[in-house]
Amino acid sequence: MSRLRPIVYLHLLRTWRYKYSFINSTFNITFWIAIFILGALLFVPEEELATTGPYVFWGVTLWNIISTSVWYIAGWSIWFFVSLGLVEDHMLHNTRTLYVLAGRLVTIATQVAMVTPFMYLLVSYATGARFPLAVKPLFLLYGLATATVMAVSYGLILSAISLRTGVPGPLLDITNFLIFIVGGVAVPVAMLPGPLRSVAVAIPYSHAAEVMRYGAAGLEPYLPLTVEVAVSGIVAAAMAAVAYILFAYLENKYIRIHGVRGVGRM
């Protein structure tokens, strides 16, 4: 706890100091997501708009968490953390790089909290219906929590690879948009064409998304609910463990010997 408090304070303070840039980024993300929402709703029959609203809303919310984790953790680690020489500085003060980067969850949560109300208003207006945020809140919260752990862990895994190779994390991410389309995030797995369902089931986020949709609108998941709940928790824990192991190796076996190298700002 003695290190957790200053790490949280660090990211809160930095977000406040760069507040105009942060607000600008938030609006940019909002407009980009709005394009996908409106594009998706164009292909939905008018009589199905009201029932589609919760799926679209929570799908883009989850995708926002996933994509923001890549940029705010994996991208930030090279473009800011390394380029300003903060890795060595924190290590000299016996603060693990993993904990500092995981603290970016503060910034991610702030950004998601700012974008989400706009998304709800947009989807409500576009579908012509005000839908409840959750019919089974505990399942929604569980799916959201496991999805967030997966997203942050994925960002940390990309960050560890980027610290080792010097390649910015977003350049290592080739699955972001693909996950949204065929990963069971944008639409329920059962609505995907037959062959793509197997692909979606193999992508970790689909299980958390299915649990979220069940909690949000009561939609039965593609696999049995108990299976989706169990797989979501197991995968989230496994991804977090992989991120922890990678950083343990990186910090003790590589950075202390070779240091890190940045590529400058883009």
C-alpha atoms as a PDB file:
ATOM      1  CA  MET A   1       0.000   0.000   0.000  1.00  0.00           C
ATOM      2  CA  SER A   2       2.943   2.348   0.633  1.00  0.00           C
ATOM      3  CA  ARG A   3       3.753   2.175  -3.103  1.00  0.00           C
ATOM      4  CA  LEU A   4       0.192   1.864  -4.385  1.00  0.00           C
ATOM      5  CA  ARG A   5      -0.891   5.280  -3.114  1.00  0.00           C
ATOM      6  CA  PRO A   6       1.897   7.275  -4.826  1.00  0.00           C
ATOM      7  CA  ILE A   7       1.423   5.322  -8.073  1.00  0.00           C
ATOM      8  CA  VAL A   8      -2.300   6.130  -8.112  1.00  0.00           C
ATOM      9  CA  TYR A   9      -1.497   9.743  -7.224  1.00  0.00           C
ATOM     10  CA  LEU A  10       1.092   9.865 -10.024  1.00  0.00           C
ATOM     11  CA  HIS A  11      -1.430   8.934 -12.700  1.00  0.00           C
ATOM     12  CA  LEU A  12      -4.187  11.118 -11.281  1.00  0.00           C
ATOM     13  CA  LEU A  13      -1.822  14.088 -11.131  1.00  0.00           C
ATOM     14  CA  ARG A  14      -0.516  13.484 -14.635  1.00  0.00           C
ATOM     15  CA  THR A  15      -4.057  13.173 -16.002  1.00  0.00           C
ATOM     16  CA  TRP A  16      -4.945  16.489 -14.338  1.00  0.00           C
ATOM     17  CA  ARG A  17      -1.833  18.275 -15.605  1.00  0.00           C
ATOM     18  CA  TYR A  18      -2.527  17.087 -19.148  1.00  0.00           C
ATOM     19  CA  LYS A  19      -6.263  17.616 -18.763  1.00  0.00           C
ATOM     20  CA  TYR A  20      -6.831  19.470 -22.036  1.00  0.00           C
ATOM     21  CA  SER A  21      -4.947  16.857 -24.013  1.00  0.00           C
ATOM     22  CA  PHE A  22      -6.871  14.171 -22.130  1.00  0.00           C
ATOM     23  CA  ILE A  23     -10.219  15.823 -22.852  1.00  0.00           C
ATOM     24  CA  ASN A  24      -9.272  16.202 -26.509  1.00  0.00           C
ATOM     25  CA  SER A  25      -8.361  12.509 -26.656  1.00  0.00           C
ATOM     26  CA  THR A  26     -11.666  11.627 -25.015  1.00  0.00           C
ATOM     27  CA  PHE A  27     -13.653  13.551 -27.620  1.00  0.00           C
ATOM     28  CA  ASN A  28     -11.653  11.989 -30.438  1.00  0.00           C
ATOM     29  CA  ILE A  29     -12.355   8.507 -29.095  1.00  0.00           C
ATOM     30  CA  THR A  30     -16.034   9.381 -28.659  1.00  0.00           C
ATOM     31  CA  PHE A  31     -16.368  10.497 -32.275  1.00  0.00           C
ATOM     32  CA  TRP A  32     -14.495   7.453 -33.601  1.00  0.00           C
ATOM     33  CA  ILE A  33     -16.732   5.090 -31.650  1.00  0.00           C
ATOM     34  CA  ALA A  34     -19.800   7.039 -32.764  1.00  0.00           C
ATOM     35  CA  ILE A  35     -18.883   6.262 -36.380  1.00  0.00           C
ATOM     36  CA  PHE A  36     -18.848   2.523 -35.636  1.00  0.00           C
ATOM     37  CA  ILE A  37     -22.104   2.707 -33.683  1.00  0.00           C
ATOM     38  CA  LEU A  38     -24.000   4.565 -36.390  1.00  0.00           C
ATOM     39  CA  GLY A  39     -22.503   2.342 -39.084  1.00  0.00           C
ATOM     40  CA  ALA A  40     -23.584  -0.806 -37.251  1.00  0.00           C
ATOM     41  CA  LEU A  41     -27.106   0.474 -36.589  1.00  0.00           C
ATOM     42  CA  LEU A  42     -27.637   1.251 -40.284  1.00  0.00           C
ATOM     43  CA  PHE A  43     -27.849  -2.499 -40.948  1.00  0.00           C
ATOM     44  CA  VAL A  44     -30.297  -3.238 -38.108  1.00  0.00           C
ATOM     45  CA  PRO A  45     -34.008  -3.509 -39.033  1.00  0.00           C
ATOM     46  CA  GLU A  46     -36.047  -0.727 -37.467  1.00  0.00           C
ATOM     47  CA  GLU A  47     -38.194  -3.131 -35.431  1.00  0.00           C
ATOM     48  CA  GLU A  48     -35.065  -4.621 -33.817  1.00  0.00           C
ATOM     49  CA  LEU A  49     -33.358  -1.352 -32.849  1.00  0.00           C
ATOM     50  CA  ALA A  50     -34.723  -1.293 -29.306  1.00  0.00           C
ATOM     51  CA  THR A  51     -33.464  -4.793 -28.488  1.00  0.00           C
ATOM     52  CA  THR A  52     -30.132  -4.207 -30.230  1.00  0.00           C
ATOM     53  CA  GLY A  53     -29.294  -1.114 -28.182  1.00  0.00           C
ATOM     54  CA  PRO A  54     -27.802  -2.849 -25.107  1.00  0.00           C
ATOM     55  CA  TYR A  55     -25.633  -5.155 -27.252  1.00  0.00           C
ATOM     56  CA  VAL A  56     -24.215  -2.262 -29.243  1.00  0.00           C
ATOM     57  CA  PHE A  57     -23.687  -0.065 -26.188  1.00  0.00           C
ATOM     58  CA  TRP A  58     -21.838  -2.631 -24.086  1.00  0.00           C
ATOM     59  CA  GLY A  59     -19.964  -3.934 -27.121  1.00  0.00           C
ATOM     60  CA  VAL A  60     -18.429  -0.546 -27.888  1.00  0.00           C
ATOM     61  CA  THR A  61     -17.811   0.059 -24.180  1.00  0.00           C
ATOM     62  CA  LEU A  62     -15.810  -3.167 -23.981  1.00  0.00           C
ATOM     63  CA  TRP A  63     -13.942  -2.331 -27.171  1.00  0.00           C
ATOM     64  CA  ASN A  64     -13.134   1.093 -25.738  1.00  0.00           C
ATOM     65  CA  ILE A  65     -11.573  -0.578 -22.685  1.00  0.00           C
ATOM     66  CA  ILE A  66      -9.571  -2.962 -24.879  1.00  0.00           C
ATOM     67  CA  SER A  67      -8.239  -0.345 -27.309  1.00  0.00           C
ATOM     68  CA  THR A  68      -7.565   2.243 -24.593  1.00  0.00           C
ATOM     69  CA  SER A  69      -5.542  -0.317 -22.628  1.00  0.00           C
ATOM     70  CA  VAL A  70      -3.306  -0.841 -25.656  1.00  0.00           C
ATOM     71  CA  TRP A  71      -2.691   2.876 -26.171  1.00  0.00           C
ATOM     72  CA  TYR A  72      -2.569   4.016 -22.535  1.00  0.00           C
ATOM     73  CA  ILE A  73      -0.358   1.166 -21.291  1.00  0.00           C
ATOM     74  CA  ALA A  74       1.547  -0.386 -24.191  1.00  0.00           C
ATOM     75  CA  GLY A  75       1.881   2.873 -26.098  1.00  0.00           C
ATOM     76  CA  TRP A  76       2.625   5.031 -23.063  1.00  0.00           C
ATOM     77  CA  SER A  77       5.404   2.718 -21.855  1.00  0.00           C
ATOM     78  CA  ILE A  78       7.698   3.570 -24.783  1.00  0.00           C
ATOM     79  CA  TRP A  79       6.503   7.007 -25.878  1.00  0.00           C
ATOM     80  CA  PHE A  80       6.565   8.456 -22.352  1.00  0.00           C
ATOM     81  CA  PHE A  81       7.853   6.118 -19.657  1.00  0.00           C
ATOM     82  CA  VAL A  82      11.021   5.085 -21.518  1.00  0.00           C
ATOM     83  CA  SER A  83      11.649   8.267 -23.504  1.00  0.00           C
ATOM     84  CA  LEU A  84      11.837  10.338 -20.289  1.00  0.00           C
ATOM     85  CA  GLY A  85      14.067   7.832 -18.523  1.00  0.00           C
ATOM     86  CA  LEU A  86      11.536   6.981 -15.831  1.00  0.00           C
ATOM     87  CA  VAL A  87      12.108   3.209 -15.905  1.00  0.00           C
ATOM     88  CA  GLU A  88      15.549   3.440 -14.329  1.00  0.00           C
ATOM     89  CA  ASP A  89      14.443   6.188 -11.958  1.00  0.00           C
ATOM     90  CA  HIS A  90      11.613   4.076 -10.537  1.00  0.00           C
ATOM     91  CA  MET A  91      13.782   0.978 -10.307  1.00  0.00           C
ATOM     92  CA  LEU A  92      16.403   2.926  -8.345  1.00  0.00           C
ATOM     93  CA  HIS A  93      13.645   3.755  -5.870  1.00  0.00           C
ATOM     94  CA  ASN A  94      12.698   0.065  -5.647  1.00  0.00           C
ATOM     95  CA  THR A  95       9.406   0.533  -7.488  1.00  0.00           C
ATOM     96  CA  ARG A  96       8.534  -2.138 -10.031  1.00  0.00           C
ATOM     97  CA  THR A  97       7.829  -1.097 -13.599  1.00  0.00           C
ATOM     98  CA  LEU A  98       4.888  -3.487 -13.639  1.00  0.00           C
ATOM     99  CA  TYR A  99       3.120  -1.630 -10.829  1.00  0.00           C
ATOM    100  CA  VAL A 100       3.658   1.770 -12.410  1.00  0.00           C
ATOM    101  CA  LEU A 101       2.270   0.622 -15.752  1.00  0.00           C
ATOM    102  CA  ALA A 102      -0.625  -1.260 -14.139  1.00  0.00           C
ATOM    103  CA  GLY A 103      -1.483   2.017 -12.425  1.00  0.00           C
ATOM    104  CA  ARG A 104      -2.463   3.340 -15.845  1.00  0.00           C
ATOM    105  CA  LEU A 105      -5.782   1.661 -15.099  1.00  0.00           C
ATOM    106  CA  VAL A 106      -6.587   4.919 -13.285  1.00  0.00           C
ATOM    107  CA  THR A 107      -6.290   6.863 -16.545  1.00  0.00           C
ATOM    108  CA  ILE A 108      -8.126   4.183 -18.521  1.00  0.00           C
ATOM    109  CA  ALA A 109     -11.022   4.122 -16.043  1.00  0.00           C
ATOM    110  CA  THR A 110     -11.260   7.926 -16.108  1.00  0.00           C
ATOM    111  CA  GLN A 111     -11.381   8.006 -19.889  1.00  0.00           C
ATOM    112  CA  VAL A 112     -13.973   5.206 -20.089  1.00  0.00           C
ATOM    113  CA  ALA A 113     -16.097   6.923 -17.428  1.00  0.00           C
ATOM    114  CA  MET A 114     -16.117  10.123 -19.506  1.00  0.00           C
ATOM    115  CA  VAL A 115     -16.925   8.431 -22.831  1.00  0.00           C
ATOM    116  CA  THR A 116     -19.575   5.968 -21.625  1.00  0.00           C
ATOM    117  CA  PRO A 117     -22.383   8.495 -20.877  1.00  0.00           C
ATOM    118  CA  PHE A 118     -21.990   9.980 -24.356  1.00  0.00           C
ATOM    119  CA  MET A 119     -22.197   6.501 -25.844  1.00  0.00           C
ATOM    120  CA  TYR A 120     -25.373   5.733 -23.906  1.00  0.00           C
ATOM    121  CA  LEU A 121     -27.052   8.939 -25.075  1.00  0.00           C
ATOM    122  CA  LEU A 122     -26.002   8.293 -28.672  1.00  0.00           C
ATOM    123  CA  VAL A 123     -27.244   4.694 -28.714  1.00  0.00           C
ATOM    124  CA  SER A 124     -30.480   5.671 -26.956  1.00  0.00           C
ATOM    125  CA  TYR A 125     -31.143   8.424 -29.491  1.00  0.00           C
ATOM    126  CA  ALA A 126     -30.199   6.269 -32.490  1.00  0.00           C
ATOM    127  CA  THR A 127     -32.387   3.342 -31.408  1.00  0.00           C
ATOM    128  CA  GLY A 128     -35.219   5.492 -30.118  1.00  0.00           C
ATOM    129  CA  ALA A 129     -35.339   3.602 -26.816  1.00  0.00           C
ATOM    130  CA  ARG A 130     -33.946   4.169 -23.331  1.00  0.00           C
ATOM    131  CA  PHE A 131     -32.821   0.738 -22.221  1.00  0.00           C
ATOM    132  CA  PRO A 132     -31.799  -0.254 -18.677  1.00  0.00           C
ATOM    133  CA  LEU A 133     -28.061  -0.534 -18.109  1.00  0.00           C
ATOM    134  CA  ALA A 134     -28.455  -3.921 -16.438  1.00  0.00           C
ATOM    135  CA  VAL A 135     -31.130  -6.516 -15.724  1.00  0.00           C
ATOM    136  CA  LYS A 136     -28.708  -8.709 -13.763  1.00  0.00           C
ATOM    137  CA  PRO A 137     -26.138  -6.279 -12.329  1.00  0.00           C
ATOM    138  CA  LEU A 138     -23.873  -8.857 -10.674  1.00  0.00           C
ATOM    139  CA  PHE A 139     -23.253 -10.677 -13.941  1.00  0.00           C
ATOM    140  CA  LEU A 140     -22.667  -7.387 -15.735  1.00  0.00           C
ATOM    141  CA  LEU A 141     -20.131  -6.281 -13.122  1.00  0.00           C
ATOM    142  CA  TYR A 142     -18.412  -9.663 -13.204  1.00  0.00           C
ATOM    143  CA  GLY A 143     -18.123  -9.630 -16.993  1.00  0.00           C
ATOM    144  CA  LEU A 144     -16.917  -6.036 -16.948  1.00  0.00           C
ATOM    145  CA  ALA A 145     -14.325  -6.810 -14.263  1.00  0.00           C
ATOM    146  CA  THR A 146     -12.923  -9.879 -16.038  1.00  0.00           C
ATOM    147  CA  ALA A 147     -12.863  -8.026 -19.359  1.00  0.00           C
ATOM    148  CA  THR A 148     -10.959  -5.154 -17.749  1.00  0.00           C
ATOM    149  CA  VAL A 149      -8.409  -7.547 -16.243  1.00  0.00           C
ATOM    150  CA  MET A 150      -7.959  -9.165 -19.672  1.00  0.00           C
ATOM    151  CA  ALA A 151      -7.542  -5.796 -21.389  1.00  0.00           C
ATOM    152  CA  VAL A 152      -5.075  -4.406 -18.848  1.00  0.00           C
ATOM    153  CA  SER A 153      -3.117  -7.676 -18.845  1.00  0.00           C
ATOM    154  CA  TYR A 154      -2.965  -7.615 -22.638  1.00  0.00           C
ATOM    155  CA  GLY A 155      -1.699  -4.044 -22.529  1.00  0.00           C
ATOM    156  CA  LEU A 156       0.956  -5.080 -20.001  1.00  0.00           C
ATOM    157  CA  ILE A 157       2.011  -8.065 -22.132  1.00  0.00           C
ATOM    158  CA  LEU A 158       2.442  -5.785 -25.150  1.00  0.00           C
ATOM    159  CA  SER A 159       4.294  -3.321 -22.941  1.00  0.00           C
ATOM    160  CA  ALA A 160       6.721  -6.008 -21.744  1.00  0.00           C
ATOM    161  CA  ILE A 161       7.429  -7.030 -25.334  1.00  0.00           C
ATOM    162  CA  SER A 162       7.887  -3.403 -26.386  1.00  0.00           C
ATOM    163  CA  LEU A 163      10.307  -2.720 -23.518  1.00  0.00           C
ATOM    164  CA  ARG A 164      12.340  -5.735 -24.636  1.00  0.00           C
ATOM    165  CA  THR A 165      12.317  -4.912 -28.354  1.00  0.00           C
ATOM    166  CA  GLY A 166      12.044  -1.124 -28.406  1.00  0.00           C
ATOM    167  CA  VAL A 167       8.974  -1.332 -30.655  1.00  0.00           C
ATOM    168  CA  PRO A 168       5.961   0.729 -29.486  1.00  0.00           C
ATOM    169  CA  GLY A 169       3.186  -1.448 -28.126  1.00  0.00           C
ATOM    170  CA  PRO A 170       0.444  -0.271 -30.535  1.00  0.00           C
ATOM    171  CA  LEU A 171       2.635  -1.382 -33.465  1.00  0.00           C
ATOM    172  CA  LEU A 172       2.701  -4.870 -31.953  1.00  0.00           C
ATOM    173  CA  ASP A 173      -1.084  -4.992 -31.697  1.00  0.00           C
ATOM    174  CA  ILE A 174      -2.553  -6.467 -34.869  1.00  0.00           C
ATOM    175  CA  THR A 175      -5.780  -7.800 -33.399  1.00  0.00           C
ATOM    176  CA  ASN A 176      -7.608  -4.756 -32.024  1.00  0.00           C
ATOM    177  CA  PHE A 177     -10.080  -4.091 -34.807  1.00  0.00           C
ATOM    178  CA  LEU A 178     -10.279  -7.784 -35.731  1.00  0.00           C
ATOM    179  CA  ILE A 179     -11.351  -8.625 -32.175  1.00  0.00           C
ATOM    180  CA  PHE A 180     -14.176  -6.097 -32.389  1.00  0.00           C
ATOM    181  CA  ILE A 181     -15.561  -7.607 -35.588  1.00  0.00           C
ATOM    182  CA  VAL A 182     -15.107 -11.372 -35.174  1.00  0.00           C
ATOM    183  CA  GLY A 183     -14.271 -11.674 -31.471  1.00  0.00           C
ATOM    184  CA  GLY A 184     -17.792 -11.662 -30.098  1.00  0.00           C
ATOM    185  CA  VAL A 185     -17.428  -8.072 -28.866  1.00  0.00           C
ATOM    186  CA  ALA A 186     -19.503  -6.068 -31.347  1.00  0.00           C
ATOM    187  CA  VAL A 187     -22.296  -8.647 -31.590  1.00  0.00           C
ATOM    188  CA  PRO A 188     -23.267 -11.791 -29.679  1.00  0.00           C
ATOM    189  CA  VAL A 189     -21.408 -14.924 -30.706  1.00  0.00           C
ATOM    190  CA  ALA A 190     -24.663 -16.624 -31.761  1.00  0.00           C
ATOM    191  CA  MET A 191     -25.258 -13.876 -34.366  1.00  0.00           C
ATOM    192  CA  LEU A 192     -21.945 -14.482 -36.125  1.00  0.00           C
ATOM    193  CA  PRO A 193     -21.756 -16.737 -39.227  1.00  0.00           C
ATOM    194  CA  GLY A 194     -21.086 -20.398 -38.404  1.00  0.00           C
ATOM    195  CA  PRO A 195     -17.294 -20.577 -38.978  1.00  0.00           C
ATOM    196  CA  LEU A 196     -16.685 -17.297 -37.137  1.00  0.00           C
ATOM    197  CA  ARG A 197     -18.346 -18.596 -33.983  1.00  0.00           C
ATOM    198  CA  SER A 198     -15.468 -20.987 -33.405  1.00  0.00           C
ATOM    199  CA  VAL A 199     -13.031 -18.103 -33.920  1.00  0.00           C
ATOM    200  CA  ALA A 200     -14.940 -15.934 -31.448  1.00  0.00           C
ATOM    201  CA  VAL A 201     -15.013 -18.675 -28.805  1.00  0.00           C
ATOM    202  CA  ALA A 202     -11.223 -18.956 -29.106  1.00  0.00           C
ATOM    203  CA  ILE A 203     -10.801 -15.210 -28.396  1.00  0.00           C
ATOM    204  CA  PRO A 204     -10.740 -14.501 -24.626  1.00  0.00           C
ATOM    205  CA  TYR A 205     -12.832 -11.326 -24.683  1.00  0.00           C
ATOM    206  CA  SER A 206     -15.856 -13.092 -26.164  1.00  0.00           C
ATOM    207  CA  HIS A 207     -16.544 -14.935 -22.905  1.00  0.00           C
ATOM    208  CA  ALA A 208     -16.513 -11.790 -20.793  1.00  0.00           C
ATOM    209  CA  ALA A 209     -18.652 -10.056 -23.425  1.00  0.00           C
ATOM    210  CA  GLU A 210     -21.217 -12.860 -23.329  1.00  0.00           C
ATOM    211  CA  VAL A 211     -21.465 -12.579 -19.536  1.00  0.00           C
ATOM    212  CA  MET A 212     -21.812  -8.791 -19.861  1.00  0.00           C
ATOM    213  CA  ARG A 213     -24.626  -9.133 -22.385  1.00  0.00           C
ATOM    214  CA  TYR A 214     -26.422 -11.604 -20.130  1.00  0.00           C
ATOM    215  CA  GLY A 215     -26.170  -9.157 -17.240  1.00  0.00           C
ATOM    216  CA  ALA A 216     -27.134  -6.160 -19.370  1.00  0.00           C
ATOM    217  CA  ALA A 217     -30.072  -7.554 -21.330  1.00  0.00           C
ATOM    218  CA  GLY A 218     -30.620 -11.134 -20.169  1.00  0.00           C
ATOM    219  CA  LEU A 219     -29.386 -12.564 -23.485  1.00  0.00           C
ATOM    220  CA  GLU A 220     -28.444 -16.211 -23.059  1.00  0.00           C
ATOM    221  CA  PRO A 221     -24.785 -16.743 -23.991  1.00  0.00           C
ATOM    222  CA  TYR A 222     -23.640 -18.992 -26.812  1.00  0.00           C
ATOM    223  CA  LEU A 223     -22.080 -21.463 -24.377  1.00  0.00           C
ATOM    224  CA  PRO A 224     -23.768 -22.360 -21.059  1.00  0.00           C
ATOM    225  CA  LEU A 225     -23.675 -19.465 -18.609  1.00  0.00           C
ATOM    226  CA  THR A 226     -21.683 -21.407 -16.009  1.00  0.00           C
ATOM    227  CA  VAL A 227     -19.058 -22.195 -18.647  1.00  0.00           C
ATOM    228  CA  GLU A 228     -18.803 -18.563 -19.736  1.00  0.00           C
ATOM    229  CA  VAL A 229     -18.455 -17.370 -16.139  1.00  0.00           C
ATOM    230  CA  ALA A 230     -15.772 -19.948 -15.348  1.00  0.00           C
ATOM    231  CA  VAL A 231     -13.817 -19.386 -18.578  1.00  0.00           C
ATOM    232  CA  SER A 232     -13.921 -15.604 -18.124  1.00  0.00           C
ATOM    233  CA  GLY A 233     -12.415 -15.842 -14.650  1.00  0.00           C
ATOM    234  CA  ILE A 234      -9.808 -18.454 -15.598  1.00  0.00           C
ATOM    235  CA  VAL A 235      -8.661 -16.577 -18.716  1.00  0.00           C
ATOM    236  CA  ALA A 236      -8.472 -13.253 -16.866  1.00  0.00           C
ATOM    237  CA  ALA A 237      -6.344 -14.831 -14.130  1.00  0.00           C
ATOM    238  CA  ALA A 238      -4.135 -16.581 -16.699  1.00  0.00           C
ATOM    239  CA  MET A 239      -3.503 -13.382 -18.682  1.00  0.00           C
ATOM    240  CA  ALA A 240      -2.664 -11.502 -15.482  1.00  0.00           C
ATOM    241  CA  ALA A 241      -0.237 -14.272 -14.506  1.00  0.00           C
ATOM    242  CA  VAL A 242       1.451 -14.146 -17.924  1.00  0.00           C
ATOM    243  CA  ALA A 243       1.880 -10.364 -17.616  1.00  0.00           C
ATOM    244  CA  TYR A 244       3.357 -10.755 -14.118  1.00  0.00           C
ATOM    245  CA  ILE A 245       5.803 -13.487 -15.215  1.00  0.00           C
ATOM    246  CA  LEU A 246       6.923 -11.511 -18.278  1.00  0.00           C
ATOM    247  CA  PHE A 247       7.672  -8.429 -16.199  1.00  0.00           C
ATOM    248  CA  ALA A 248       9.435 -10.484 -13.537  1.00  0.00           C
ATOM    249  CA  TYR A 249      11.786 -11.793 -16.217  1.00  0.00           C
ATOM    250  CA  LEU A 250      12.086  -8.447 -17.948  1.00  0.00           C
ATOM    251  CA  GLU A 251      12.954  -6.487 -14.828  1.00  0.00           C
ATOM    252  CA  ASN A 252      15.344  -8.985 -13.254  1.00  0.00           C
ATOM    253  CA  LYS A 253      16.982 -10.655 -16.266  1.00  0.00           C
ATOM    254  CA  TYR A 254      17.020  -7.948 -18.925  1.00  0.00           C
ATOM    255  CA  ILE A 255      16.517  -4.328 -17.815  1.00  0.00           C
ATOM    256  CA  ARG A 256      18.962  -4.542 -14.911  1.00  0.00           C
ATOM    257  CA  ILE A 257      21.618  -5.843 -17.325  1.00  0.00           C
ATOM    258  CA  HIS A 258      20.877  -4.135 -20.650  1.00  0.00           C
ATOM    259  CA  GLY A 259      18.567  -1.251 -19.742  1.00  0.00           C
ATOM    260  CA  VAL A 260      15.808  -0.113 -22.067  1.00  0.00           C
ATOM    261  CA  ARG A 261      15.822   1.786 -25.303  1.00  0.00           C
ATOM    262  CA  GLY A 262      13.262   4.172 -26.667  1.00  0.00           C
ATOM    263  CA  VAL A 263      12.441   5.080 -30.233  1.00  0.00           C
ATOM    264  CA  GLY A 264      11.476   8.675 -29.543  1.00  0.00           C
ATOM    265  CA  ARG A 265       8.052  10.221 -30.107  1.00  0.00           C
ATOM    266  CA  MET A 266       5.927   9.806 -33.195  1.00  0.00           C
END
